[in-house]
Protein backbone atom coordinates (compact mmCIF):
# COMPACT_ATOMS: atom_id res chain seq x y z
CA UNK A 1 231.64 6.64 -49.83
CA UNK A 2 232.38 5.24 -53.24
CA UNK A 3 230.20 2.18 -53.69
CA UNK A 4 227.08 0.94 -51.99
CA UNK A 5 224.67 -1.88 -52.49
CA UNK A 6 223.67 -2.77 -56.02
CA UNK A 7 220.69 -4.59 -57.51
CA UNK A 8 219.35 -7.51 -55.50
CA UNK A 9 219.84 -10.40 -57.88
CA UNK A 10 217.45 -12.98 -56.49
CA UNK A 11 219.35 -16.23 -56.55
CA UNK A 12 218.80 -19.30 -54.37
CA UNK A 13 221.23 -17.80 -51.83
CA UNK A 14 219.52 -14.41 -51.82
CA UNK A 15 219.13 -14.56 -48.06
CA UNK A 16 222.86 -14.00 -47.82
CA UNK A 17 222.40 -10.52 -49.26
CA UNK A 18 220.09 -9.18 -46.55
CA UNK A 19 220.94 -7.11 -43.50
CA UNK A 20 219.01 -9.29 -41.06
CA UNK A 21 218.98 -13.02 -40.49
CA UNK A 22 216.47 -14.89 -42.66
CA UNK A 23 214.15 -15.83 -39.80
CA UNK A 24 210.36 -15.56 -39.69
CA UNK A 25 210.37 -12.69 -37.17
CA UNK A 26 213.18 -10.71 -38.77
CA UNK A 27 212.02 -7.90 -41.06
CA UNK A 28 213.25 -7.80 -44.62
CA UNK A 29 215.98 -5.22 -44.72
CA UNK A 30 217.72 -5.13 -48.05
CA UNK A 31 214.90 -4.38 -50.43
CA UNK A 32 213.97 -0.85 -49.41
CA UNK A 33 212.49 -0.26 -52.86
CA UNK A 34 209.45 -2.20 -51.70
CA UNK A 35 208.47 0.90 -49.74
CA UNK A 36 205.71 2.83 -51.49
CA UNK A 37 206.11 6.47 -52.45
CA UNK A 38 208.79 8.77 -53.81
CA UNK A 39 211.73 6.98 -52.17
CA UNK A 40 210.80 3.68 -53.80
CA UNK A 41 210.84 5.42 -57.17
CA UNK A 42 214.04 7.39 -56.56
CA UNK A 43 216.08 4.63 -54.94
CA UNK A 44 216.78 2.56 -58.10
CA UNK A 45 218.04 5.69 -59.87
CA UNK A 46 220.33 6.51 -56.95
CA UNK A 47 221.56 2.93 -56.88
CA UNK A 48 222.51 2.98 -60.54
CA UNK A 49 224.21 6.37 -60.31
CA UNK A 50 226.07 5.46 -57.11
CA UNK A 51 227.16 2.15 -58.60
CA UNK A 52 228.63 3.56 -61.80
CA UNK A 53 230.10 6.66 -60.14
CA UNK A 54 231.76 4.42 -57.59
CA UNK A 55 233.11 1.96 -60.14
CA UNK A 56 234.51 4.60 -62.50
CA UNK A 57 235.54 7.44 -60.16
CA UNK A 58 236.73 5.37 -57.20
CA UNK A 59 240.31 5.01 -58.54
CA UNK A 60 240.62 8.80 -58.68
CA UNK A 61 239.19 9.10 -55.16
CA UNK A 62 241.69 6.51 -53.93
CA UNK A 63 244.57 8.44 -55.53
CA UNK A 64 243.38 11.73 -54.05
CA UNK A 65 243.06 10.12 -50.62
CA UNK A 66 246.47 8.45 -50.76
CA UNK A 67 248.27 11.63 -51.85
CA UNK A 68 246.23 13.65 -49.36
CA UNK A 69 247.36 11.32 -46.59
CA UNK A 70 250.98 11.99 -47.53
CA UNK A 71 250.34 15.74 -47.55
CA UNK A 72 248.66 15.63 -44.14
CA UNK A 73 251.80 14.05 -42.72
CA UNK A 74 254.15 16.49 -44.43
CA UNK A 75 253.57 19.22 -41.83
CA UNK A 76 255.21 17.16 -39.12
CA UNK A 77 257.75 15.59 -41.47
CA UNK A 78 259.20 18.94 -42.54
CA UNK A 79 259.76 19.91 -38.90
CA UNK A 80 262.05 16.88 -38.61
CA UNK A 81 263.71 16.99 -42.03
CA UNK A 82 264.37 20.74 -41.97
CA UNK A 83 265.02 21.11 -38.25
CA UNK A 84 268.44 22.71 -38.88
CA UNK A 85 266.89 25.48 -40.98
CA UNK A 86 263.74 26.00 -38.91
CA UNK A 87 265.16 26.11 -35.38
CA UNK A 88 267.92 28.02 -33.65
CA UNK A 89 270.89 26.31 -32.03
CA UNK A 90 270.54 28.23 -28.80
CA UNK A 91 267.88 30.63 -27.54
CA UNK A 92 269.47 33.97 -26.69
CA UNK A 93 268.44 36.78 -24.40
CA UNK A 94 267.76 39.33 -27.16
CA UNK A 95 267.44 39.40 -30.93
CA UNK A 96 269.39 41.48 -33.42
CA UNK A 97 267.48 43.98 -35.61
CA UNK A 98 265.65 42.61 -38.65
CA UNK A 99 267.74 44.90 -40.84
CA UNK A 100 270.89 43.07 -39.70
CA UNK A 101 269.23 39.73 -40.46
CA UNK A 102 268.37 40.98 -43.97
CA UNK A 103 271.98 42.05 -44.47
CA UNK A 104 273.17 38.54 -43.55
CA UNK A 105 270.70 36.98 -46.00
CA UNK A 106 271.78 39.31 -48.82
CA UNK A 107 275.39 38.39 -48.22
CA UNK A 108 274.50 34.70 -48.51
CA UNK A 109 272.54 35.13 -51.77
CA UNK A 110 274.12 38.15 -53.46
CA UNK A 111 272.13 37.74 -56.70
CA UNK A 112 268.82 37.63 -54.86
CA UNK A 113 266.34 40.45 -54.31
CA UNK A 114 264.71 40.54 -50.87
CA UNK A 115 260.94 40.87 -51.22
CA UNK A 116 259.81 39.90 -47.75
CA UNK A 117 260.76 38.79 -44.28
CA UNK A 118 258.92 36.61 -41.79
CA UNK A 119 260.17 37.38 -38.27
CA UNK A 120 260.68 34.34 -36.05
CA UNK A 121 257.20 33.35 -34.78
CA UNK A 122 258.51 31.90 -31.50
CA UNK A 123 261.67 31.86 -29.39
CA UNK A 124 263.10 28.71 -30.98
CA UNK A 125 262.33 29.55 -34.61
CA UNK A 126 264.49 31.19 -37.24
CA UNK A 127 263.60 34.25 -39.29
CA UNK A 128 262.73 33.60 -42.93
CA UNK A 129 264.03 36.07 -45.52
CA UNK A 130 262.18 35.67 -48.81
CA UNK A 131 264.17 36.40 -51.98
CA UNK A 132 263.56 36.40 -55.71
CA UNK A 133 266.42 34.67 -57.47
CA UNK A 134 267.01 34.28 -61.22
CA UNK A 135 266.38 30.80 -62.60
CA UNK A 136 263.56 29.74 -60.27
CA UNK A 137 260.21 28.56 -61.59
CA UNK A 138 257.11 30.70 -61.34
CA UNK A 139 255.78 30.78 -57.79
CA UNK A 140 259.09 29.74 -56.27
CA UNK A 141 261.32 31.86 -54.04
CA UNK A 142 264.58 31.33 -52.21
CA UNK A 143 264.13 31.40 -48.46
CA UNK A 144 267.13 32.11 -46.24
CA UNK A 145 266.81 31.01 -42.61
CA UNK A 146 268.52 33.39 -40.19
CA UNK A 147 269.13 32.92 -36.46
CA UNK A 148 267.42 36.00 -34.94
CA UNK A 149 269.83 36.04 -31.97
CA UNK A 150 273.09 36.03 -33.91
CA UNK A 151 272.16 36.81 -37.55
CA UNK A 152 273.90 33.56 -38.48
CA UNK A 153 272.46 31.96 -41.63
CA UNK A 154 271.27 28.42 -40.84
CA UNK A 155 270.59 27.53 -44.47
CA UNK A 156 268.55 28.28 -47.56
CA UNK A 157 265.80 26.39 -49.41
CA UNK A 158 263.70 26.83 -52.52
CA UNK A 159 260.14 27.30 -51.32
CA UNK A 160 256.61 27.90 -52.60
CA UNK A 161 254.65 30.18 -50.31
CA UNK A 162 255.11 28.79 -46.81
CA UNK A 163 255.77 25.27 -48.10
CA UNK A 164 259.29 23.87 -47.82
CA UNK A 165 260.50 21.53 -50.60
CA UNK A 166 258.92 18.31 -49.26
CA UNK A 167 255.48 19.78 -48.64
CA UNK A 168 255.60 21.80 -51.86
CA UNK A 169 256.28 18.62 -53.85
CA UNK A 170 253.58 16.63 -52.05
CA UNK A 171 251.09 19.47 -52.51
CA UNK A 172 251.68 19.42 -56.25
CA UNK A 173 251.55 15.61 -56.24
CA UNK A 174 248.18 15.71 -54.48
CA UNK A 175 246.71 18.31 -56.83
CA UNK A 176 248.13 17.16 -60.17
CA UNK A 177 250.22 14.00 -59.69
CA UNK A 178 253.15 16.14 -60.86
CA UNK A 179 251.62 16.19 -64.37
CA UNK A 180 251.09 19.94 -64.63
CA UNK A 181 247.85 21.51 -65.83
CA UNK A 182 246.66 18.27 -67.40
CA UNK A 183 247.10 16.48 -64.10
CA UNK A 184 244.91 18.99 -62.29
CA UNK A 185 241.92 17.52 -64.12
CA UNK A 186 242.26 14.33 -62.08
CA UNK A 187 241.90 16.12 -58.75
CA UNK A 188 239.06 18.33 -60.00
CA UNK A 189 237.18 15.30 -61.33
CA UNK A 190 237.65 13.51 -58.00
CA UNK A 191 236.49 16.55 -56.01
CA UNK A 192 233.55 17.05 -58.39
CA UNK A 193 232.22 13.54 -57.76
CA UNK A 194 233.20 13.05 -54.12
CA UNK A 195 230.22 14.94 -52.70
CA UNK A 196 227.86 13.23 -55.16
CA UNK A 197 228.84 9.67 -54.21
CA UNK A 198 229.06 10.61 -50.52
CA UNK A 199 225.56 12.13 -50.34
CA UNK A 200 224.10 9.46 -52.62
CA UNK A 201 225.59 6.74 -50.45
CA UNK A 202 224.27 8.49 -47.33
CA UNK A 203 220.74 8.54 -48.72
CA UNK A 204 220.93 4.87 -49.67
CA UNK A 205 222.30 3.89 -46.27
CA UNK A 206 219.73 5.85 -44.28
CA UNK A 207 216.93 4.61 -46.56
CA UNK A 208 217.60 0.95 -45.78
CA UNK A 209 215.32 -0.94 -43.45
CA UNK A 210 217.13 -2.65 -40.61
CA UNK A 211 216.21 -4.81 -37.64
CA UNK A 212 217.97 -2.55 -35.09
CA UNK A 213 218.44 1.21 -35.19
CA UNK A 214 221.96 0.85 -33.82
CA UNK A 215 222.99 -0.77 -37.12
CA UNK A 216 222.65 2.65 -38.73
CA UNK A 217 225.68 4.01 -36.90
CA UNK A 218 227.59 0.88 -35.85
CA UNK A 219 228.85 -2.06 -37.95
CA UNK A 220 226.92 -5.30 -37.67
CA UNK A 221 229.42 -7.62 -36.00
CA UNK A 222 227.15 -10.63 -36.46
CA UNK A 223 227.08 -10.21 -40.23
CA UNK A 224 229.21 -12.21 -42.59
CA UNK A 225 230.27 -12.01 -46.23
CA UNK A 226 228.89 -9.16 -48.25
CA UNK A 227 226.55 -8.07 -45.45
CA UNK A 228 229.56 -7.48 -43.21
CA UNK A 229 231.37 -5.49 -45.90
CA UNK A 230 228.27 -3.41 -46.59
CA UNK A 231 227.81 -2.75 -42.87
CA UNK A 232 231.35 -1.37 -42.54
CA UNK A 233 231.07 0.56 -45.79
CA UNK A 234 227.82 2.21 -44.73
CA UNK A 235 228.68 3.08 -41.14
CA UNK A 236 232.17 4.42 -41.89
CA UNK A 237 230.72 6.44 -44.77
CA UNK A 238 228.03 7.82 -42.44
CA UNK A 239 230.61 9.01 -39.91
CA UNK A 240 232.86 10.48 -42.61
CA UNK A 241 230.26 12.10 -44.85
CA UNK A 242 230.47 15.63 -43.40
CA UNK A 243 234.24 15.68 -43.76
CA UNK A 244 234.09 14.24 -47.28
CA UNK A 245 231.60 16.84 -48.47
CA UNK A 246 233.72 19.56 -46.85
CA UNK A 247 236.88 18.30 -48.57
CA UNK A 248 235.03 18.21 -51.89
CA UNK A 249 233.68 21.75 -51.55
CA UNK A 250 236.96 23.30 -50.44
CA UNK A 251 238.95 21.29 -52.97
CA UNK A 252 236.81 22.68 -55.77
CA UNK A 253 237.76 26.24 -54.79
CA UNK A 254 241.30 25.51 -56.07
CA UNK A 255 240.14 23.82 -59.26
CA UNK A 256 240.51 25.34 -62.70
CA UNK A 257 236.97 25.22 -64.04
CA UNK A 258 234.64 24.90 -61.06
CA UNK A 259 236.97 27.16 -59.05
CA UNK A 260 236.51 29.96 -61.56
CA UNK A 261 232.73 29.68 -61.26
CA UNK A 262 232.93 29.58 -57.47
CA UNK A 263 235.09 32.71 -57.50
CA UNK A 264 232.63 34.57 -59.71
CA UNK A 265 229.72 33.53 -57.51
CA UNK A 266 231.54 34.57 -54.36
CA UNK A 267 232.43 37.96 -55.86
CA UNK A 268 228.86 38.43 -57.05
CA UNK A 269 227.57 37.79 -53.54
CA UNK A 270 230.00 40.32 -52.07
CA UNK A 271 232.22 37.69 -50.50
CA UNK A 272 235.53 38.50 -52.19
CA UNK A 273 238.54 38.48 -49.87
CA UNK A 274 239.62 42.10 -49.24
CA UNK A 275 243.19 43.37 -48.95
CA UNK A 276 244.90 46.48 -47.62
CA UNK A 277 245.88 49.24 -50.00
CA UNK A 278 249.61 50.00 -49.89
CA UNK A 279 249.67 52.47 -52.78
CA UNK A 280 251.77 55.58 -52.08
CA UNK A 281 250.79 59.10 -53.00
CA UNK A 282 251.64 60.16 -56.59
CA UNK A 283 255.30 61.14 -56.85
CA UNK A 284 256.47 58.80 -54.11
CA UNK A 285 258.88 56.15 -55.31
CA UNK A 286 259.92 54.24 -52.23
CA UNK A 287 260.61 51.02 -54.01
CA UNK A 288 262.43 52.38 -57.03
CA UNK A 289 266.01 51.68 -55.94
CA UNK A 290 268.63 51.49 -53.26
CA UNK A 291 267.94 54.68 -51.28
CA UNK A 292 270.42 56.80 -53.21
CA UNK A 293 269.83 60.37 -54.36
CA UNK A 294 269.18 61.22 -58.01
CA UNK A 295 272.04 62.89 -59.84
CA UNK A 296 271.77 66.60 -60.53
CA UNK A 297 270.31 67.98 -63.74
CA UNK A 298 271.58 70.96 -65.76
CA UNK A 299 269.50 74.17 -65.52
CA UNK A 300 268.85 76.31 -68.66
CA UNK A 301 271.49 78.81 -67.50
CA UNK A 302 274.09 76.03 -67.30
CA UNK A 303 274.17 75.67 -63.53
CA UNK A 304 273.83 72.28 -61.85
CA UNK A 305 270.48 71.50 -60.22
CA UNK A 306 270.91 70.15 -56.65
CA UNK A 307 270.57 66.40 -56.21
CA UNK A 308 267.09 65.20 -55.24
CA UNK A 309 267.17 62.67 -52.39
CA UNK A 310 265.35 59.40 -52.86
CA UNK A 311 262.18 58.82 -50.88
CA UNK A 312 263.05 58.16 -47.25
CA UNK A 313 262.62 54.69 -45.82
CA UNK A 314 262.28 54.27 -42.09
CA UNK A 315 263.48 50.67 -42.41
CA UNK A 316 261.91 47.33 -41.72
CA UNK A 317 262.39 47.47 -37.94
CA UNK A 318 260.43 50.71 -37.52
CA UNK A 319 257.79 49.51 -39.97
CA UNK A 320 257.25 46.35 -37.93
CA UNK A 321 257.17 48.42 -34.73
CA UNK A 322 254.45 50.61 -36.26
CA UNK A 323 252.43 47.53 -37.22
CA UNK A 324 252.76 46.06 -33.74
CA UNK A 325 251.60 49.36 -32.24
CA UNK A 326 248.52 49.09 -34.49
CA UNK A 327 247.70 45.64 -33.08
CA UNK A 328 249.22 43.46 -35.81
CA UNK A 329 251.44 41.22 -33.70
CA UNK A 330 251.00 37.48 -34.39
CA UNK A 331 253.18 35.49 -36.81
CA UNK A 332 254.04 38.42 -39.05
CA UNK A 333 254.83 38.37 -42.75
CA UNK A 334 256.38 41.57 -44.04
CA UNK A 335 256.36 42.51 -47.72
CA UNK A 336 259.01 45.14 -48.43
CA UNK A 337 258.16 48.29 -50.39
CA UNK A 338 257.99 47.96 -54.15
CA UNK A 339 257.72 50.73 -56.74
CA UNK A 340 254.84 52.97 -55.71
CA UNK A 341 253.91 50.88 -52.67
CA UNK A 342 254.71 50.84 -48.98
CA UNK A 343 255.23 48.06 -46.49
CA UNK A 344 252.48 45.45 -46.17
CA UNK A 345 252.53 43.62 -42.84
CA UNK A 346 250.12 40.76 -42.27
CA UNK A 347 249.34 38.30 -39.54
CA UNK A 348 249.31 34.63 -40.62
CA UNK A 349 248.32 32.82 -37.45
CA UNK A 350 245.58 30.59 -38.86
CA UNK A 351 245.02 28.42 -35.80
CA UNK A 352 241.94 29.22 -33.77
CA UNK A 353 241.51 31.90 -32.65
CA UNK A 354 242.86 33.22 -35.93
CA UNK A 355 244.97 36.36 -36.23
CA UNK A 356 244.78 37.59 -39.81
CA UNK A 357 244.79 41.38 -39.49
CA UNK A 358 246.99 43.45 -41.80
CA UNK A 359 248.25 47.02 -42.23
CA UNK A 360 250.06 49.07 -44.85
CA UNK A 361 252.86 51.29 -43.54
CA UNK A 362 254.21 54.41 -45.25
CA UNK A 363 257.98 53.89 -45.60
CA UNK A 364 258.63 57.63 -45.34
CA UNK A 365 257.30 58.23 -41.83
CA UNK A 366 255.83 54.97 -40.46
CA UNK A 367 252.25 56.19 -40.80
CA UNK A 368 249.55 53.50 -41.04
CA UNK A 369 248.09 54.11 -44.51
CA UNK A 370 245.44 51.41 -44.37
CA UNK A 371 244.39 48.61 -42.07
CA UNK A 372 242.17 45.57 -42.39
CA UNK A 373 240.81 43.43 -39.59
CA UNK A 374 239.75 39.83 -40.15
CA UNK A 375 236.55 40.61 -38.26
CA UNK A 376 235.67 43.04 -41.06
CA UNK A 377 235.94 40.38 -43.81
CA UNK A 378 232.63 39.48 -45.47
CA UNK A 379 231.14 36.33 -43.95
CA UNK A 380 231.69 34.38 -47.18
CA UNK A 381 235.34 35.38 -47.24
CA UNK A 382 235.75 34.26 -43.62
CA UNK A 383 234.07 30.91 -44.33
CA UNK A 384 236.26 30.41 -47.39
CA UNK A 385 239.37 31.13 -45.35
CA UNK A 386 238.34 28.69 -42.63
CA UNK A 387 237.40 26.01 -45.18
CA UNK A 388 240.68 26.22 -47.08
CA UNK A 389 242.77 26.18 -43.92
CA UNK A 390 240.85 23.18 -42.58
CA UNK A 391 241.47 21.39 -45.90
CA UNK A 392 245.19 22.15 -45.61
CA UNK A 393 245.45 21.11 -41.96
CA UNK A 394 246.20 24.54 -40.50
CA UNK A 395 243.22 25.52 -38.37
CA UNK A 396 243.69 23.06 -35.50
CA UNK A 397 247.31 22.19 -36.11
CA UNK A 398 248.24 18.58 -35.36
CA UNK A 399 244.64 17.61 -34.52
CA UNK A 400 243.53 18.95 -37.91
CA UNK A 401 246.25 16.97 -39.68
CA UNK A 402 245.30 13.77 -37.85
CA UNK A 403 241.65 14.27 -38.82
CA UNK A 404 242.63 14.75 -42.47
CA UNK A 405 244.71 11.59 -42.32
CA UNK A 406 241.77 9.68 -40.82
CA UNK A 407 239.45 10.92 -43.59
CA UNK A 408 241.98 9.86 -46.22
CA UNK A 409 242.24 6.37 -44.72
CA UNK A 410 238.44 6.20 -44.54
CA UNK A 411 238.12 6.99 -48.25
CA UNK A 412 240.64 4.30 -49.17
CA UNK A 413 238.78 1.70 -47.10
CA UNK A 414 235.41 2.81 -48.54
CA UNK A 415 236.78 2.31 -52.04
CA UNK A 416 238.17 -1.10 -51.10
CA UNK A 417 234.89 -2.20 -49.51
CA UNK A 418 232.96 -0.92 -52.51
CA UNK A 419 234.98 -2.96 -54.95
CA UNK A 420 234.78 -5.96 -52.65
CA UNK A 421 230.99 -5.76 -52.64
CA UNK A 422 231.05 -5.50 -56.42
CA UNK A 423 233.11 -8.68 -56.55
CA UNK A 424 230.95 -10.54 -54.01
CA UNK A 425 227.80 -9.69 -55.99
CA UNK A 426 228.88 -11.64 -59.03
CA UNK A 427 225.96 -13.81 -60.20
CA UNK A 428 227.58 -17.24 -59.85
CA UNK A 429 230.52 -18.49 -57.86
CA UNK A 430 231.88 -20.57 -60.73
CA UNK A 431 232.38 -17.57 -63.04
CA UNK A 432 235.68 -16.26 -61.75
CA UNK A 433 235.77 -13.18 -63.96
CA UNK A 434 232.17 -12.11 -63.44
CA UNK A 435 231.25 -9.10 -61.30
CA UNK A 436 228.25 -7.50 -59.64
CA UNK A 437 225.45 -6.11 -61.73
CA UNK A 438 224.14 -2.58 -61.65
CA UNK A 439 220.53 -1.59 -61.11
CA UNK A 440 218.68 -2.33 -64.39
CA UNK A 441 218.33 0.43 -66.97
CA UNK A 442 215.21 2.55 -67.12
CA UNK A 443 215.14 3.42 -63.41
CA UNK A 444 214.43 7.05 -64.29
CA UNK A 445 211.10 6.02 -65.85
CA UNK A 446 209.85 5.05 -62.38
CA UNK A 447 210.46 8.54 -60.98
CA UNK A 448 207.29 10.70 -61.00
CA UNK A 449 207.40 13.56 -63.49
CA UNK A 450 206.90 16.09 -60.68
CA UNK A 451 210.16 14.84 -59.18
CA UNK A 452 212.03 14.01 -62.38
CA UNK A 453 211.81 17.47 -63.97
CA UNK A 454 213.18 19.41 -60.95
CA UNK A 455 215.85 16.72 -60.53
CA UNK A 456 216.90 17.07 -64.17
CA UNK A 457 216.96 20.88 -63.86
CA UNK A 458 219.12 20.80 -60.73
CA UNK A 459 221.45 18.26 -62.37
CA UNK A 460 221.84 20.50 -65.41
CA UNK A 461 222.63 23.58 -63.30
CA UNK A 462 225.13 21.69 -61.13
CA UNK A 463 226.68 20.14 -64.24
CA UNK A 464 227.18 23.58 -65.74
CA UNK A 465 228.58 25.04 -62.51
CA UNK A 466 230.90 22.06 -61.95
CA UNK A 467 231.93 21.39 -65.57
CA UNK A 468 233.95 18.20 -65.14
CA UNK A 469 231.05 16.66 -63.24
CA UNK A 470 228.63 17.60 -66.02
CA UNK A 471 230.90 16.44 -68.84
CA UNK A 472 231.68 13.10 -67.20
CA UNK A 473 228.00 12.54 -66.36
CA UNK A 474 227.04 13.10 -70.00
CA UNK A 475 229.82 10.70 -71.02
CA UNK A 476 228.50 8.07 -68.57
CA UNK A 477 224.99 8.44 -69.98
CA UNK A 478 226.21 8.23 -73.56
CA UNK A 479 228.16 5.04 -72.87
CA UNK A 480 225.21 3.59 -70.97
CA UNK A 481 222.84 4.30 -73.85
CA UNK A 482 225.29 2.77 -76.31
CA UNK A 483 225.69 -0.37 -74.19
CA UNK A 484 221.91 -0.59 -73.86
CA UNK A 485 221.48 -0.39 -77.64
CA UNK A 486 224.09 -3.10 -78.18
CA UNK A 487 222.43 -5.32 -75.58
CA UNK A 488 219.03 -4.79 -77.19
CA UNK A 489 220.37 -5.68 -80.65
CA UNK A 490 221.96 -8.85 -79.31
CA UNK A 491 218.74 -9.82 -77.60
CA UNK A 492 216.79 -9.25 -80.81
CA UNK A 493 219.30 -11.32 -82.77
């Protein structure tokens, strides 16, 4: 929800700004501030904050929603665009060993170093061989797609994590508009304010008096003009508010400034995401080089010392077999041994019910060195995992992606309706360039001190924890004070 109602400017056509028809038996519905008590004091402050946050932050929210909509559709788009790489030509009766598939990938990219392999997750999918190749940007790898039935290479793409080029580009576009670190500030600012305007709008919408309770959750079809726009803005915002707050919270976990604070808080509460230990015993060197023995050394008496064989490696096929025997079976991602470390084999099936167990396998004998079950994750780590995957559209697959798309469209309409209400609230119809007014200054003076002090304290803590929210809020206040001083000077003159 980006904008809601603003100050009731009582003009001769003020009846047009109410929620109910101006009849003798219809209750007044737009001026909820007439209610006595704390809400009547707090409502003007919420109105002013919601108004300015909506006006100034709404463009960023619209951008985030539009780019998020594109990202939500990228999951299905890449299945079509990269069908040749992702799917096999013909399903065979049996697959060739993973080692043979790795050999085919190495032959295709001779200057690449294989660091991992993702066995085909289903009968029609290809195996992905992950390679480090000189010249790629940080975070990028070259993925070779191998037919598991024939070891034929279907193609190769530059990827980031599990994202193919289209989704990788759209992900960066959504998070930074392809402007690098500077661009990330836009998405963090949008995520920082999204929950504020959503919850503020929710409070304002619920706090309104209305002639029928159904108008809380359904648009008023009998309304016209601004009342109709407000009705759609409020009801759609009400239905979307849980999703919007969830997107804001999970989006902040990726952010630069607030994300760092969230990570520290999570670690302090014992909710850090654990990982298996793949460290080999001292002296083991499984990942040092290509399985060749060391050359002999000369003894003090001049005789040649026998060659020392390199650490044995059972191979990727036996390592995967050991992991499967330990119960790690769904949508595997295998990290090959590096210097001083063994195989790490993880499940990456993030659709419910999730399969995210992992094991570390000793390359010398196939022994399970360490194992980690998702059920043993701290609760905070589990919730974080679920939240991030929901935000990315993974947890429920296509249904999740459709829901994300619907939320994105809802945000864009909420922004449009908010600006439309702003335009329709302009004081006179003959002033083409005028616009709606905000709640008058000084609303905070009406809030009781017993409510104002805790509210200020909470705002300060949240502003520190979510820095871009705090900085922008201070900037808003500074500009507002400056405009107020200028207006006062003009009035005095």
